[in-house]
Amino acid sequence: MATGNKFVTVKALEVILRRLKLLNAGPVSNTYTITYPINFVNLSDVPQTYNGKAGSPVRVNKDADGLEFSDGPVETKTDDYAVVSADFGKMILMNAAGAKIFTLPAVVAADVDRSITFVKRGTGKVTIQAAAGETIDDSSAGGTLYNDLADDLFAVVKLKVISAGTWLIEYSKSPEMGWRTS
C-alpha cells in the first residue's frame, strides 16, 4: 500500500488488524477494508508515541510480535548524490533512467550500527561508491556496490556500518539478484 512517501507492508497491516481484532487467524488476504476510524495509541505492541514521526514508515519488529517505526524518512533522488551523516536512518530511492552514483561518507567508530537503505526505482545503473580506503561488504578498498540490471526495479539494499571504514550489506532484496560488489 503506498501513498507518496508513506507505506505499510502487508505483514505490518496484518499485525495491526490482528491486534485490533479486525482480522481472525487464518489465511492472509491482499485486500483489507476498514470502514470506521481506528486510533492506534495505547496498544501494547505499537509505538507509544508518534511525536516527530510524521511520514515515517512502520514495520513489523524483529520479533514479529509488534510494530515499530522503520528507518527514517524516504527521499527520492534523480541524480548523483553524496550521502551525508544526516542521511543515516533514511531510505533513499534513486529513480533515474541513466547511470547514477551514491557516494558514501567516510565512517568512523562513532558511526557503528548506523544504517542507510537504498532503493533502485529506475532502469539506470545504480552504483554505491565507498569512500577511499573503505569497503562495502567484500568489495575492494574504495570499491563499489552496484546494480546494472535495467529490469531490476525496486531492488533494495540496506548498508550498516560495522566498524570504522567498513559497511556491511545488512539486507538485500533484488528480484533479479542484481546487487554486486567490485
C-alpha atoms as a PDB file:
ATOM      1  CA  MET A   1       0.000   0.000   0.000  1.00  0.00           C
ATOM      2  CA  ALA A   2       1.676   3.286  -0.997  1.00  0.00           C
ATOM      3  CA  THR A   3       0.778   6.956  -0.797  1.00  0.00           C
ATOM      4  CA  GLY A   4       3.586   9.335  -1.623  1.00  0.00           C
ATOM      5  CA  ASN A   5       6.456   8.548   0.718  1.00  0.00           C
ATOM      6  CA  LYS A   6       4.334   6.682   3.282  1.00  0.00           C
ATOM      7  CA  PHE A   7       3.835   2.939   3.186  1.00  0.00           C
ATOM      8  CA  VAL A   8       2.715  -0.022   5.248  1.00  0.00           C
ATOM      9  CA  THR A   9       3.766  -3.540   4.301  1.00  0.00           C
ATOM     10  CA  VAL A  10       1.138  -6.271   4.029  1.00  0.00           C
ATOM     11  CA  LYS A  11       2.769  -8.007   7.025  1.00  0.00           C
ATOM     12  CA  ALA A  12       2.604  -4.802   9.119  1.00  0.00           C
ATOM     13  CA  LEU A  13      -1.028  -4.303   8.139  1.00  0.00           C
ATOM     14  CA  GLU A  14      -1.785  -7.912   9.069  1.00  0.00           C
ATOM     15  CA  VAL A  15      -0.239  -7.377  12.541  1.00  0.00           C
ATOM     16  CA  ILE A  16      -2.234  -4.158  13.024  1.00  0.00           C
ATOM     17  CA  LEU A  17      -5.520  -5.775  12.005  1.00  0.00           C
ATOM     18  CA  ARG A  18      -4.946  -8.876  14.150  1.00  0.00           C
ATOM     19  CA  ARG A  19      -4.104  -6.752  17.216  1.00  0.00           C
ATOM     20  CA  LEU A  20      -7.255  -4.702  16.710  1.00  0.00           C
ATOM     21  CA  LYS A  21      -9.192  -7.962  16.347  1.00  0.00           C
ATOM     22  CA  LEU A  22     -10.356  -6.966  12.881  1.00  0.00           C
ATOM     23  CA  LEU A  23      -8.672  -9.976  11.290  1.00  0.00           C
ATOM     24  CA  ASN A  24      -9.059 -13.515  12.583  1.00  0.00           C
ATOM     25  CA  ALA A  25      -6.345 -16.149  12.476  1.00  0.00           C
ATOM     26  CA  GLY A  26      -6.180 -17.827   9.114  1.00  0.00           C
ATOM     27  CA  PRO A  27      -5.008 -17.077   5.599  1.00  0.00           C
ATOM     28  CA  VAL A  28      -3.916 -13.535   4.789  1.00  0.00           C
ATOM     29  CA  SER A  29      -5.626 -11.622   2.022  1.00  0.00           C
ATOM     30  CA  ASN A  30      -4.029  -8.963  -0.167  1.00  0.00           C
ATOM     31  CA  THR A  31      -7.147  -6.813   0.258  1.00  0.00           C
ATOM     32  CA  TYR A  32      -8.371  -5.303   3.527  1.00  0.00           C
ATOM     33  CA  THR A  33     -11.324  -2.981   4.034  1.00  0.00           C
ATOM     34  CA  ILE A  34     -11.642  -0.907   7.181  1.00  0.00           C
ATOM     35  CA  THR A  35     -14.892   1.014   7.366  1.00  0.00           C
ATOM     36  CA  TYR A  36     -14.509   3.045  10.558  1.00  0.00           C
ATOM     37  CA  PRO A  37     -11.798   5.215  12.142  1.00  0.00           C
ATOM     38  CA  ILE A  38      -9.159   3.494  14.225  1.00  0.00           C
ATOM     39  CA  ASN A  39      -6.974   5.060  16.904  1.00  0.00           C
ATOM     40  CA  PHE A  40      -3.503   3.459  17.042  1.00  0.00           C
ATOM     41  CA  VAL A  41      -2.451   4.586  20.514  1.00  0.00           C
ATOM     42  CA  ASN A  42      -2.174   2.871  23.874  1.00  0.00           C
ATOM     43  CA  LEU A  43      -1.844  -0.587  22.325  1.00  0.00           C
ATOM     44  CA  SER A  44       0.813  -2.809  23.878  1.00  0.00           C
ATOM     45  CA  ASP A  45       2.567  -3.728  20.629  1.00  0.00           C
ATOM     46  CA  VAL A  46       2.748  -0.431  18.738  1.00  0.00           C
ATOM     47  CA  PRO A  47       4.929   2.630  19.347  1.00  0.00           C
ATOM     48  CA  GLN A  48       3.632   4.541  22.349  1.00  0.00           C
ATOM     49  CA  THR A  49       4.263   7.955  20.820  1.00  0.00           C
ATOM     50  CA  TYR A  50       4.032   9.349  17.331  1.00  0.00           C
ATOM     51  CA  ASN A  51       5.660  12.699  18.092  1.00  0.00           C
ATOM     52  CA  GLY A  52       8.171  13.612  15.394  1.00  0.00           C
ATOM     53  CA  LYS A  53       7.323  10.557  13.285  1.00  0.00           C
ATOM     54  CA  ALA A  54       5.112  12.142  10.608  1.00  0.00           C
ATOM     55  CA  GLY A  55       5.833  10.462   7.270  1.00  0.00           C
ATOM     56  CA  SER A  56       7.862   7.640   8.836  1.00  0.00           C
ATOM     57  CA  PRO A  57       7.232   4.093   7.579  1.00  0.00           C
ATOM     58  CA  VAL A  58       6.066   1.407  10.027  1.00  0.00           C
ATOM     59  CA  ARG A  59       7.328  -2.168  10.008  1.00  0.00           C
ATOM     60  CA  VAL A  60       6.909  -5.377  11.953  1.00  0.00           C
ATOM     61  CA  ASN A  61       9.594  -5.554  14.664  1.00  0.00           C
ATOM     62  CA  LYS A  62      12.413  -8.113  14.646  1.00  0.00           C
ATOM     63  CA  ASP A  63      10.472 -10.488  16.922  1.00  0.00           C
ATOM     64  CA  ALA A  64       7.413 -10.286  14.612  1.00  0.00           C
ATOM     65  CA  ASP A  65       5.147  -9.577  17.570  1.00  0.00           C
ATOM     66  CA  GLY A  66       4.571  -5.853  17.230  1.00  0.00           C
ATOM     67  CA  LEU A  67       5.218  -2.740  15.218  1.00  0.00           C
ATOM     68  CA  GLU A  68       7.970  -0.142  15.225  1.00  0.00           C
ATOM     69  CA  PHE A  69       8.937   2.852  13.154  1.00  0.00           C
ATOM     70  CA  SER A  70      11.390   1.806  10.493  1.00  0.00           C
ATOM     71  CA  ASP A  71      14.323   3.794   9.282  1.00  0.00           C
ATOM     72  CA  GLY A  72      13.616   7.467   8.936  1.00  0.00           C
ATOM     73  CA  PRO A  73      12.130   9.404   6.102  1.00  0.00           C
ATOM     74  CA  VAL A  74      12.075   8.313   2.490  1.00  0.00           C
ATOM     75  CA  GLU A  75      13.798  10.578  -0.017  1.00  0.00           C
ATOM     76  CA  THR A  76      13.878  10.322  -3.801  1.00  0.00           C
ATOM     77  CA  LYS A  77      16.938  11.315  -5.824  1.00  0.00           C
ATOM     78  CA  THR A  78      17.181  11.591  -9.596  1.00  0.00           C
ATOM     79  CA  ASP A  79      20.876  12.481  -9.937  1.00  0.00           C
ATOM     80  CA  ASP A  80      24.239  11.555  -8.400  1.00  0.00           C
ATOM     81  CA  TYR A  81      24.170  12.147  -4.661  1.00  0.00           C
ATOM     82  CA  ALA A  82      26.839  12.437  -1.962  1.00  0.00           C
ATOM     83  CA  VAL A  83      25.391  10.755   1.120  1.00  0.00           C
ATOM     84  CA  VAL A  84      25.969  12.697   4.363  1.00  0.00           C
ATOM     85  CA  SER A  85      25.792  11.652   8.007  1.00  0.00           C
ATOM     86  CA  ALA A  86      22.337  13.258   8.291  1.00  0.00           C
ATOM     87  CA  ASP A  87      21.126  10.539   5.881  1.00  0.00           C
ATOM     88  CA  PHE A  88      21.740   7.731   8.374  1.00  0.00           C
ATOM     89  CA  GLY A  89      18.436   6.045   9.142  1.00  0.00           C
ATOM     90  CA  LYS A  90      16.837   7.148   5.879  1.00  0.00           C
ATOM     91  CA  MET A  91      15.623   5.230   2.870  1.00  0.00           C
ATOM     92  CA  ILE A  92      16.919   6.847  -0.314  1.00  0.00           C
ATOM     93  CA  LEU A  93      15.348   5.973  -3.657  1.00  0.00           C
ATOM     94  CA  MET A  94      17.166   6.516  -6.950  1.00  0.00           C
ATOM     95  CA  ASN A  95      14.710   6.994  -9.779  1.00  0.00           C
ATOM     96  CA  ALA A  96      16.658   7.509 -12.998  1.00  0.00           C
ATOM     97  CA  ALA A  97      16.926   6.018 -16.464  1.00  0.00           C
ATOM     98  CA  GLY A  98      20.674   6.689 -16.692  1.00  0.00           C
ATOM     99  CA  ALA A  99      23.596   5.542 -14.557  1.00  0.00           C
ATOM    100  CA  LYS A 100      23.759   7.310 -11.164  1.00  0.00           C
ATOM    101  CA  ILE A 101      26.116   7.160  -8.186  1.00  0.00           C
ATOM    102  CA  PHE A 102      25.562   7.390  -4.450  1.00  0.00           C
ATOM    103  CA  THR A 103      28.863   8.312  -2.762  1.00  0.00           C
ATOM    104  CA  LEU A 104      29.094   7.110   0.829  1.00  0.00           C
ATOM    105  CA  PRO A 105      30.637   9.261   3.549  1.00  0.00           C
ATOM    106  CA  ALA A 106      33.778   8.117   5.361  1.00  0.00           C
ATOM    107  CA  VAL A 107      32.669   6.345   8.547  1.00  0.00           C
ATOM    108  CA  VAL A 108      34.305   6.256  11.978  1.00  0.00           C
ATOM    109  CA  ALA A 109      33.817   4.169  15.125  1.00  0.00           C
ATOM    110  CA  ALA A 110      31.071   6.552  16.337  1.00  0.00           C
ATOM    111  CA  ASP A 111      29.018   5.560  13.256  1.00  0.00           C
ATOM    112  CA  VAL A 112      28.909   1.834  14.139  1.00  0.00           C
ATOM    113  CA  ASP A 113      25.361   0.400  13.991  1.00  0.00           C
ATOM    114  CA  ARG A 114      24.069   3.253  11.833  1.00  0.00           C
ATOM    115  CA  SER A 115      22.499   2.312   8.512  1.00  0.00           C
ATOM    116  CA  ILE A 116      21.102   3.622   5.234  1.00  0.00           C
ATOM    117  CA  THR A 117      18.676   1.867   2.890  1.00  0.00           C
ATOM    118  CA  PHE A 118      18.919   2.369  -0.877  1.00  0.00           C
ATOM    119  CA  VAL A 119      16.219   1.511  -3.421  1.00  0.00           C
ATOM    120  CA  LYS A 120      16.702   1.283  -7.201  1.00  0.00           C
ATOM    121  CA  ARG A 121      13.471   2.529  -8.791  1.00  0.00           C
ATOM    122  CA  GLY A 122      14.551   3.440 -12.325  1.00  0.00           C
ATOM    123  CA  THR A 123      16.078   1.419 -15.143  1.00  0.00           C
ATOM    124  CA  GLY A 124      19.525   3.023 -14.864  1.00  0.00           C
ATOM    125  CA  LYS A 125      22.571   1.501 -13.202  1.00  0.00           C
ATOM    126  CA  VAL A 126      22.874   2.469  -9.528  1.00  0.00           C
ATOM    127  CA  THR A 127      26.350   2.471  -8.014  1.00  0.00           C
ATOM    128  CA  ILE A 128      27.123   2.956  -4.333  1.00  0.00           C
ATOM    129  CA  GLN A 129      30.709   4.164  -4.023  1.00  0.00           C
ATOM    130  CA  ALA A 130      32.687   3.648  -0.799  1.00  0.00           C
ATOM    131  CA  ALA A 131      34.981   6.402   0.431  1.00  0.00           C
ATOM    132  CA  ALA A 132      38.686   5.983  -0.376  1.00  0.00           C
ATOM    133  CA  GLY A 133      40.163   3.088   1.581  1.00  0.00           C
ATOM    134  CA  GLU A 134      36.784   1.884   2.882  1.00  0.00           C
ATOM    135  CA  THR A 135      34.857  -1.266   1.964  1.00  0.00           C
ATOM    136  CA  ILE A 136      31.290  -2.336   1.308  1.00  0.00           C
ATOM    137  CA  ASP A 137      30.939  -5.962   2.362  1.00  0.00           C
ATOM    138  CA  ASP A 138      33.522  -7.876   0.287  1.00  0.00           C
ATOM    139  CA  SER A 139      34.400  -5.007  -2.079  1.00  0.00           C
ATOM    140  CA  SER A 140      37.941  -3.836  -2.627  1.00  0.00           C
ATOM    141  CA  ALA A 141      39.110  -0.760  -0.683  1.00  0.00           C
ATOM    142  CA  GLY A 142      37.313   2.255  -2.134  1.00  0.00           C
ATOM    143  CA  GLY A 143      35.135  -0.238  -4.011  1.00  0.00           C
ATOM    144  CA  THR A 144      31.524  -0.207  -5.067  1.00  0.00           C
ATOM    145  CA  LEU A 145      28.217  -1.974  -4.776  1.00  0.00           C
ATOM    146  CA  TYR A 146      26.147  -1.740  -7.936  1.00  0.00           C
ATOM    147  CA  ASN A 147      23.041  -2.938  -9.739  1.00  0.00           C
ATOM    148  CA  ASP A 148      23.121  -2.546 -13.522  1.00  0.00           C
ATOM    149  CA  LEU A 149      20.069  -4.620 -14.468  1.00  0.00           C
ATOM    150  CA  ALA A 150      17.519  -2.389 -16.207  1.00  0.00           C
ATOM    151  CA  ASP A 151      14.556  -4.596 -15.271  1.00  0.00           C
ATOM    152  CA  ASP A 152      15.589  -4.973 -11.609  1.00  0.00           C
ATOM    153  CA  LEU A 153      13.213  -2.298 -10.354  1.00  0.00           C
ATOM    154  CA  PHE A 154      12.544  -1.976  -6.631  1.00  0.00           C
ATOM    155  CA  ALA A 155      15.881  -3.594  -5.750  1.00  0.00           C
ATOM    156  CA  VAL A 156      16.677  -2.740  -2.115  1.00  0.00           C
ATOM    157  CA  VAL A 157      19.932  -2.832  -0.165  1.00  0.00           C
ATOM    158  CA  LYS A 158      20.474  -1.759   3.436  1.00  0.00           C
ATOM    159  CA  LEU A 159      24.043  -0.938   4.414  1.00  0.00           C
ATOM    160  CA  LYS A 160      25.150  -0.877   8.049  1.00  0.00           C
ATOM    161  CA  VAL A 161      28.392   0.458   9.491  1.00  0.00           C
ATOM    162  CA  ILE A 162      30.085  -2.356  11.432  1.00  0.00           C
ATOM    163  CA  SER A 163      33.429  -0.678  12.133  1.00  0.00           C
ATOM    164  CA  ALA A 164      35.354   2.405  11.112  1.00  0.00           C
ATOM    165  CA  GLY A 165      35.691   2.242   7.330  1.00  0.00           C
ATOM    166  CA  THR A 166      33.530  -0.872   6.918  1.00  0.00           C
ATOM    167  CA  TRP A 167      29.975  -1.181   5.620  1.00  0.00           C
ATOM    168  CA  LEU A 168      28.072  -4.487   5.730  1.00  0.00           C
ATOM    169  CA  ILE A 169      25.172  -5.455   3.493  1.00  0.00           C
ATOM    170  CA  GLU A 170      22.632  -5.963   6.265  1.00  0.00           C
ATOM    171  CA  TYR A 171      19.731  -6.653   3.923  1.00  0.00           C
ATOM    172  CA  SER A 172      19.340  -7.059   0.187  1.00  0.00           C
ATOM    173  CA  LYS A 173      16.244  -7.707  -1.874  1.00  0.00           C
ATOM    174  CA  SER A 174      16.533  -7.773  -5.603  1.00  0.00           C
ATOM    175  CA  PRO A 175      14.065  -9.542  -7.889  1.00  0.00           C
ATOM    176  CA  GLU A 176      16.896 -10.226 -10.348  1.00  0.00           C
ATOM    177  CA  MET A 177      19.664 -10.698  -7.716  1.00  0.00           C
ATOM    178  CA  GLY A 178      21.393  -7.671  -9.189  1.00  0.00           C
ATOM    179  CA  TRP A 179      23.491  -6.169  -6.341  1.00  0.00           C
ATOM    180  CA  ARG A 180      27.211  -6.906  -6.806  1.00  0.00           C
ATOM    181  CA  THR A 181      30.415  -5.580  -5.240  1.00  0.00           C
ATOM    182  CA  SER A 182      33.618  -4.612  -7.006  1.00  0.00           C
END
